[in-house]
Amino acid sequence: MSDPKSPPTLKDLGTRLTAARGKRRVAGPDAADEEAAAAAAEGRGAIGVAWRLAAELVVAPAVGAFAGWWLDHWLSTGPWFLLGLFLLGMVAGMYNVIRTAGRLNRAMTGPTSGKAAAERERDDRG
């Protein structure tokens, strides 16, 4: 883009995409969670984190219930898949909320001793 008035070329777009992909690769897969935790710790973006947690609590059981209803309807089995997958969705939603709250807590309290940090990393890996 030598001339600011000319439209960007495909080569310029390719260069920008490569740079963006490189930044994302360096940031890692949990960078979005860590970024949200840091934003909430600073007081900005807290409403976004709250909406995300609320959505996880609602969407996970809803998806489980729908999948269970569909399986019950397809297999003619009564409410068993509906109940089982709804409960599984509730557990998954709560697990995600607890995991995100733990990350927020760590971001707000800052770094601690190396032993505690190593234990938290081991717990996060599951």
N, C-alpha and C. Protein backbone atom coordinates (compact mmCIF):
# COMPACT_ATOMS: atom_id res chain seq x y z
N MET A 1 0.84 -1.18 0.00
CA MET A 1 0.00 0.00 0.00
C MET A 1 0.88 1.24 0.00
N SER A 2 1.50 1.46 -1.11
CA SER A 2 2.36 2.61 -1.21
C SER A 2 1.55 3.89 -1.33
N ASP A 3 0.42 3.84 -2.01
CA ASP A 3 -0.41 5.02 -2.17
C ASP A 3 -1.60 4.92 -1.23
N PRO A 4 -1.78 5.89 -0.30
CA PRO A 4 -2.89 5.78 0.66
C PRO A 4 -4.27 5.87 0.00
N LYS A 5 -4.35 6.39 -1.22
CA LYS A 5 -5.65 6.53 -1.89
C LYS A 5 -6.06 5.27 -2.63
N SER A 6 -5.11 4.39 -2.93
CA SER A 6 -5.43 3.18 -3.68
C SER A 6 -6.01 2.12 -2.76
N PRO A 7 -6.91 1.27 -3.28
CA PRO A 7 -7.47 0.20 -2.45
C PRO A 7 -6.41 -0.85 -2.13
N PRO A 8 -6.57 -1.57 -1.03
CA PRO A 8 -5.58 -2.59 -0.67
C PRO A 8 -5.58 -3.73 -1.70
N THR A 9 -4.42 -4.28 -1.93
CA THR A 9 -4.29 -5.39 -2.87
C THR A 9 -4.39 -6.71 -2.12
N LEU A 10 -4.47 -7.79 -2.87
CA LEU A 10 -4.53 -9.11 -2.25
C LEU A 10 -3.23 -9.43 -1.52
N LYS A 11 -2.12 -8.94 -2.03
CA LYS A 11 -0.84 -9.16 -1.37
C LYS A 11 -0.82 -8.49 0.00
N ASP A 12 -1.36 -7.26 0.08
CA ASP A 12 -1.44 -6.56 1.36
C ASP A 12 -2.35 -7.31 2.33
N LEU A 13 -3.45 -7.81 1.82
CA LEU A 13 -4.36 -8.57 2.66
C LEU A 13 -3.70 -9.84 3.18
N GLY A 14 -2.95 -10.53 2.30
CA GLY A 14 -2.23 -11.73 2.72
C GLY A 14 -1.21 -11.44 3.80
N THR A 15 -0.52 -10.33 3.67
CA THR A 15 0.47 -9.93 4.68
C THR A 15 -0.20 -9.66 6.02
N ARG A 16 -1.31 -8.95 5.98
CA ARG A 16 -2.03 -8.65 7.23
C ARG A 16 -2.59 -9.91 7.87
N LEU A 17 -3.11 -10.84 7.05
CA LEU A 17 -3.63 -12.10 7.60
C LEU A 17 -2.53 -12.93 8.24
N THR A 18 -1.37 -12.99 7.60
CA THR A 18 -0.25 -13.74 8.16
C THR A 18 0.18 -13.15 9.49
N ALA A 19 0.23 -11.82 9.57
CA ALA A 19 0.61 -11.17 10.83
C ALA A 19 -0.41 -11.45 11.92
N ALA A 20 -1.70 -11.42 11.57
CA ALA A 20 -2.75 -11.67 12.56
C ALA A 20 -2.71 -13.12 13.03
N ARG A 21 -2.49 -14.05 12.12
CA ARG A 21 -2.41 -15.46 12.51
C ARG A 21 -1.21 -15.72 13.41
N GLY A 22 -0.11 -15.04 13.13
CA GLY A 22 1.08 -15.18 13.97
C GLY A 22 0.82 -14.68 15.38
N LYS A 23 0.12 -13.57 15.51
CA LYS A 23 -0.22 -13.04 16.84
C LYS A 23 -1.13 -14.00 17.58
N ARG A 24 -2.08 -14.59 16.87
CA ARG A 24 -3.01 -15.51 17.51
C ARG A 24 -2.29 -16.78 17.95
N ARG A 25 -1.37 -17.27 17.14
CA ARG A 25 -0.63 -18.48 17.48
C ARG A 25 0.23 -18.24 18.71
N VAL A 26 0.82 -17.07 18.81
CA VAL A 26 1.65 -16.74 19.98
C VAL A 26 0.79 -16.63 21.22
N ALA A 27 -0.42 -16.08 21.07
CA ALA A 27 -1.29 -15.86 22.22
C ALA A 27 -1.77 -17.16 22.84
N GLY A 28 -1.99 -18.21 22.05
CA GLY A 28 -2.43 -19.49 22.59
C GLY A 28 -3.94 -19.62 22.60
N PRO A 29 -4.44 -20.83 22.87
CA PRO A 29 -5.88 -21.08 22.79
C PRO A 29 -6.68 -20.45 23.92
N ASP A 30 -6.09 -20.26 25.09
CA ASP A 30 -6.84 -19.69 26.21
C ASP A 30 -6.64 -18.19 26.33
N ALA A 31 -6.13 -17.56 25.29
CA ALA A 31 -5.86 -16.13 25.36
C ALA A 31 -7.14 -15.32 25.52
N ALA A 32 -8.23 -15.76 24.90
CA ALA A 32 -9.49 -15.02 25.03
C ALA A 32 -9.99 -15.05 26.46
N ASP A 33 -9.90 -16.21 27.13
CA ASP A 33 -10.32 -16.29 28.52
C ASP A 33 -9.43 -15.44 29.41
N GLU A 34 -8.13 -15.48 29.16
CA GLU A 34 -7.21 -14.70 29.97
C GLU A 34 -7.41 -13.21 29.72
N GLU A 35 -7.70 -12.84 28.48
CA GLU A 35 -7.95 -11.44 28.16
C GLU A 35 -9.23 -10.95 28.84
N ALA A 36 -10.27 -11.77 28.83
CA ALA A 36 -11.51 -11.41 29.50
C ALA A 36 -11.31 -11.30 31.00
N ALA A 37 -10.50 -12.21 31.56
CA ALA A 37 -10.22 -12.15 32.98
C ALA A 37 -9.45 -10.89 33.34
N ALA A 38 -8.48 -10.53 32.50
CA ALA A 38 -7.71 -9.32 32.76
C ALA A 38 -8.58 -8.08 32.64
N ALA A 39 -9.48 -8.07 31.66
CA ALA A 39 -10.38 -6.93 31.49
C ALA A 39 -11.32 -6.79 32.68
N ALA A 40 -11.84 -7.93 33.16
CA ALA A 40 -12.73 -7.88 34.31
C ALA A 40 -11.98 -7.45 35.56
N ALA A 41 -10.71 -7.89 35.67
CA ALA A 41 -9.92 -7.52 36.83
C ALA A 41 -9.67 -6.02 36.86
N GLU A 42 -9.58 -5.41 35.70
CA GLU A 42 -9.37 -3.97 35.64
C GLU A 42 -10.68 -3.21 35.75
N GLY A 43 -11.79 -3.88 35.79
CA GLY A 43 -13.08 -3.22 35.94
C GLY A 43 -13.78 -2.93 34.63
N ARG A 44 -13.12 -3.16 33.51
CA ARG A 44 -13.78 -2.95 32.23
C ARG A 44 -14.10 -4.32 31.63
N GLY A 45 -15.21 -4.41 30.99
CA GLY A 45 -15.59 -5.67 30.40
C GLY A 45 -16.25 -6.63 31.37
N ALA A 46 -16.51 -6.20 32.59
CA ALA A 46 -17.12 -7.09 33.57
C ALA A 46 -18.52 -7.49 33.15
N ILE A 47 -19.24 -6.58 32.52
CA ILE A 47 -20.60 -6.93 32.09
C ILE A 47 -20.55 -7.98 30.98
N GLY A 48 -19.53 -7.92 30.14
CA GLY A 48 -19.37 -8.93 29.10
C GLY A 48 -19.10 -10.30 29.68
N VAL A 49 -18.26 -10.35 30.71
CA VAL A 49 -17.97 -11.62 31.37
C VAL A 49 -19.23 -12.14 32.06
N ALA A 50 -19.99 -11.24 32.67
CA ALA A 50 -21.23 -11.66 33.34
C ALA A 50 -22.23 -12.24 32.34
N TRP A 51 -22.36 -11.61 31.19
CA TRP A 51 -23.26 -12.12 30.16
C TRP A 51 -22.78 -13.47 29.63
N ARG A 52 -21.48 -13.61 29.51
CA ARG A 52 -20.93 -14.88 29.04
C ARG A 52 -21.25 -16.00 30.02
N LEU A 53 -21.06 -15.74 31.31
CA LEU A 53 -21.35 -16.75 32.32
C LEU A 53 -22.84 -17.09 32.35
N ALA A 54 -23.68 -16.07 32.23
CA ALA A 54 -25.12 -16.31 32.21
C ALA A 54 -25.52 -17.13 30.99
N ALA A 55 -24.92 -16.82 29.86
CA ALA A 55 -25.24 -17.57 28.64
C ALA A 55 -24.81 -19.02 28.76
N GLU A 56 -23.64 -19.26 29.37
CA GLU A 56 -23.20 -20.64 29.55
C GLU A 56 -24.14 -21.41 30.46
N LEU A 57 -24.66 -20.75 31.47
CA LEU A 57 -25.59 -21.43 32.38
C LEU A 57 -26.92 -21.75 31.71
N VAL A 58 -27.31 -20.97 30.72
CA VAL A 58 -28.59 -21.19 30.05
C VAL A 58 -28.44 -22.08 28.82
N VAL A 59 -27.41 -21.83 28.03
CA VAL A 59 -27.29 -22.51 26.74
C VAL A 59 -26.93 -23.99 26.90
N ALA A 60 -26.02 -24.30 27.80
CA ALA A 60 -25.59 -25.70 27.93
C ALA A 60 -26.76 -26.64 28.28
N PRO A 61 -27.59 -26.32 29.29
CA PRO A 61 -28.74 -27.19 29.54
C PRO A 61 -29.76 -27.18 28.40
N ALA A 62 -29.91 -26.04 27.72
CA ALA A 62 -30.87 -25.98 26.61
C ALA A 62 -30.43 -26.87 25.46
N VAL A 63 -29.15 -26.85 25.14
CA VAL A 63 -28.65 -27.70 24.07
C VAL A 63 -28.78 -29.17 24.47
N GLY A 64 -28.46 -29.48 25.73
CA GLY A 64 -28.61 -30.85 26.20
C GLY A 64 -30.06 -31.33 26.15
N ALA A 65 -30.97 -30.44 26.57
CA ALA A 65 -32.39 -30.81 26.55
C ALA A 65 -32.89 -31.02 25.12
N PHE A 66 -32.47 -30.14 24.22
CA PHE A 66 -32.89 -30.30 22.83
C PHE A 66 -32.36 -31.60 22.24
N ALA A 67 -31.07 -31.88 22.47
CA ALA A 67 -30.49 -33.11 21.95
C ALA A 67 -31.19 -34.33 22.55
N GLY A 68 -31.51 -34.28 23.84
CA GLY A 68 -32.22 -35.38 24.48
C GLY A 68 -33.62 -35.55 23.94
N TRP A 69 -34.30 -34.43 23.73
CA TRP A 69 -35.66 -34.50 23.16
C TRP A 69 -35.62 -35.11 21.78
N TRP A 70 -34.62 -34.68 20.97
CA TRP A 70 -34.51 -35.19 19.61
C TRP A 70 -34.22 -36.69 19.62
N LEU A 71 -33.31 -37.14 20.50
CA LEU A 71 -33.02 -38.57 20.58
C LEU A 71 -34.24 -39.36 21.05
N ASP A 72 -34.95 -38.83 22.04
CA ASP A 72 -36.17 -39.51 22.51
C ASP A 72 -37.20 -39.61 21.40
N HIS A 73 -37.35 -38.54 20.64
CA HIS A 73 -38.32 -38.54 19.55
C HIS A 73 -37.90 -39.54 18.46
N TRP A 74 -36.61 -39.57 18.14
CA TRP A 74 -36.10 -40.44 17.08
C TRP A 74 -36.14 -41.91 17.49
N LEU A 75 -35.81 -42.19 18.78
CA LEU A 75 -35.76 -43.57 19.24
C LEU A 75 -37.04 -44.03 19.95
N SER A 76 -37.99 -43.13 20.13
CA SER A 76 -39.25 -43.43 20.84
C SER A 76 -38.98 -44.02 22.22
N THR A 77 -38.20 -43.32 23.03
CA THR A 77 -37.79 -43.86 24.32
C THR A 77 -38.38 -43.14 25.52
N GLY A 78 -39.21 -42.18 25.37
CA GLY A 78 -39.71 -41.48 26.55
C GLY A 78 -38.75 -40.39 26.99
N PRO A 79 -38.84 -39.94 28.20
CA PRO A 79 -38.05 -38.76 28.57
C PRO A 79 -36.63 -39.05 29.06
N TRP A 80 -36.10 -40.24 28.86
CA TRP A 80 -34.83 -40.59 29.50
C TRP A 80 -33.65 -39.84 28.92
N PHE A 81 -33.55 -39.75 27.62
CA PHE A 81 -32.45 -38.98 27.04
C PHE A 81 -32.61 -37.49 27.35
N LEU A 82 -33.85 -37.02 27.33
CA LEU A 82 -34.10 -35.62 27.65
C LEU A 82 -33.59 -35.29 29.05
N LEU A 83 -33.95 -36.10 30.03
CA LEU A 83 -33.51 -35.86 31.40
C LEU A 83 -31.99 -36.02 31.55
N GLY A 84 -31.45 -37.06 30.98
CA GLY A 84 -30.02 -37.31 31.12
C GLY A 84 -29.17 -36.22 30.48
N LEU A 85 -29.49 -35.85 29.26
CA LEU A 85 -28.69 -34.83 28.59
C LEU A 85 -28.93 -33.44 29.16
N PHE A 86 -30.13 -33.19 29.69
CA PHE A 86 -30.38 -31.91 30.37
C PHE A 86 -29.49 -31.81 31.61
N LEU A 87 -29.42 -32.89 32.39
CA LEU A 87 -28.55 -32.88 33.58
C LEU A 87 -27.08 -32.77 33.18
N LEU A 88 -26.69 -33.45 32.12
CA LEU A 88 -25.31 -33.33 31.64
C LEU A 88 -25.01 -31.90 31.19
N GLY A 89 -25.96 -31.26 30.55
CA GLY A 89 -25.79 -29.86 30.15
C GLY A 89 -25.67 -28.94 31.35
N MET A 90 -26.43 -29.21 32.41
CA MET A 90 -26.32 -28.40 33.62
C MET A 90 -24.94 -28.55 34.24
N VAL A 91 -24.45 -29.77 34.28
CA VAL A 91 -23.11 -30.01 34.85
C VAL A 91 -22.05 -29.32 34.01
N ALA A 92 -22.16 -29.41 32.69
CA ALA A 92 -21.18 -28.77 31.81
C ALA A 92 -21.21 -27.25 31.97
N GLY A 93 -22.40 -26.67 32.05
CA GLY A 93 -22.51 -25.23 32.24
C GLY A 93 -21.91 -24.78 33.56
N MET A 94 -22.20 -25.51 34.63
CA MET A 94 -21.63 -25.15 35.93
C MET A 94 -20.11 -25.32 35.93
N TYR A 95 -19.61 -26.37 35.28
CA TYR A 95 -18.17 -26.58 35.20
C TYR A 95 -17.49 -25.40 34.49
N ASN A 96 -18.07 -24.95 33.38
CA ASN A 96 -17.50 -23.82 32.66
C ASN A 96 -17.53 -22.55 33.49
N VAL A 97 -18.61 -22.32 34.22
CA VAL A 97 -18.71 -21.13 35.06
C VAL A 97 -17.69 -21.17 36.18
N ILE A 98 -17.54 -22.32 36.82
CA ILE A 98 -16.57 -22.45 37.92
C ILE A 98 -15.15 -22.27 37.39
N ARG A 99 -14.85 -22.84 36.24
CA ARG A 99 -13.51 -22.70 35.65
C ARG A 99 -13.22 -21.24 35.29
N THR A 100 -14.18 -20.55 34.71
CA THR A 100 -13.99 -19.15 34.36
C THR A 100 -13.88 -18.28 35.60
N ALA A 101 -14.66 -18.58 36.62
CA ALA A 101 -14.57 -17.82 37.86
C ALA A 101 -13.21 -18.01 38.51
N GLY A 102 -12.66 -19.21 38.44
CA GLY A 102 -11.32 -19.44 38.96
C GLY A 102 -10.27 -18.63 38.23
N ARG A 103 -10.40 -18.55 36.91
CA ARG A 103 -9.47 -17.74 36.13
C ARG A 103 -9.60 -16.26 36.49
N LEU A 104 -10.84 -15.81 36.64
CA LEU A 104 -11.06 -14.42 37.04
C LEU A 104 -10.44 -14.15 38.40
N ASN A 105 -10.61 -15.07 39.32
CA ASN A 105 -10.06 -14.91 40.66
C ASN A 105 -8.54 -14.83 40.61
N ARG A 106 -7.90 -15.70 39.82
CA ARG A 106 -6.45 -15.66 39.70
C ARG A 106 -5.98 -14.37 39.06
N ALA A 107 -6.73 -13.88 38.06
CA ALA A 107 -6.34 -12.63 37.41
C ALA A 107 -6.47 -11.44 38.35
N MET A 108 -7.45 -11.50 39.24
CA MET A 108 -7.67 -10.38 40.16
C MET A 108 -6.68 -10.40 41.32
N THR A 109 -6.27 -11.58 41.75
CA THR A 109 -5.37 -11.65 42.89
C THR A 109 -3.91 -11.53 42.49
N GLY A 110 -3.61 -11.75 41.21
CA GLY A 110 -2.24 -11.60 40.75
C GLY A 110 -1.42 -12.85 41.00
N PRO A 111 -0.13 -12.75 40.70
CA PRO A 111 0.72 -13.93 40.86
C PRO A 111 0.95 -14.26 42.33
N THR A 112 1.05 -15.55 42.59
CA THR A 112 1.30 -16.02 43.95
C THR A 112 2.55 -16.89 43.93
N SER A 113 2.71 -17.69 44.92
CA SER A 113 3.90 -18.53 45.00
C SER A 113 3.95 -19.52 43.85
N GLY A 114 5.13 -19.97 43.51
CA GLY A 114 5.31 -20.91 42.40
C GLY A 114 4.61 -22.23 42.63
N LYS A 115 4.58 -22.71 43.87
CA LYS A 115 3.95 -23.99 44.17
C LYS A 115 2.44 -23.91 43.92
N ALA A 116 1.81 -22.82 44.37
CA ALA A 116 0.36 -22.67 44.16
C ALA A 116 0.04 -22.52 42.68
N ALA A 117 0.87 -21.81 41.94
CA ALA A 117 0.65 -21.65 40.51
C ALA A 117 0.77 -22.99 39.78
N ALA A 118 1.75 -23.79 40.18
CA ALA A 118 1.92 -25.11 39.56
C ALA A 118 0.71 -26.00 39.84
N GLU A 119 0.17 -25.94 41.05
CA GLU A 119 -1.01 -26.73 41.38
C GLU A 119 -2.20 -26.29 40.55
N ARG A 120 -2.37 -24.98 40.35
CA ARG A 120 -3.48 -24.48 39.56
C ARG A 120 -3.35 -24.92 38.11
N GLU A 121 -2.15 -24.87 37.56
CA GLU A 121 -1.95 -25.34 36.19
C GLU A 121 -2.29 -26.82 36.05
N ARG A 122 -1.90 -27.61 37.03
CA ARG A 122 -2.20 -29.03 37.00
C ARG A 122 -3.70 -29.25 37.07
N ASP A 123 -4.42 -28.46 37.89
CA ASP A 123 -5.87 -28.58 37.99
C ASP A 123 -6.55 -28.17 36.70
N ASP A 124 -6.04 -27.13 36.04
CA ASP A 124 -6.64 -26.67 34.79
C ASP A 124 -6.50 -27.68 33.68
N ARG A 125 -5.40 -28.41 33.67
CA ARG A 125 -5.19 -29.42 32.64
C ARG A 125 -6.12 -30.61 32.82
N GLY A 126 -6.62 -30.76 34.04
CA GLY A 126 -7.62 -31.78 34.28
C GLY A 126 -7.11 -33.08 34.61
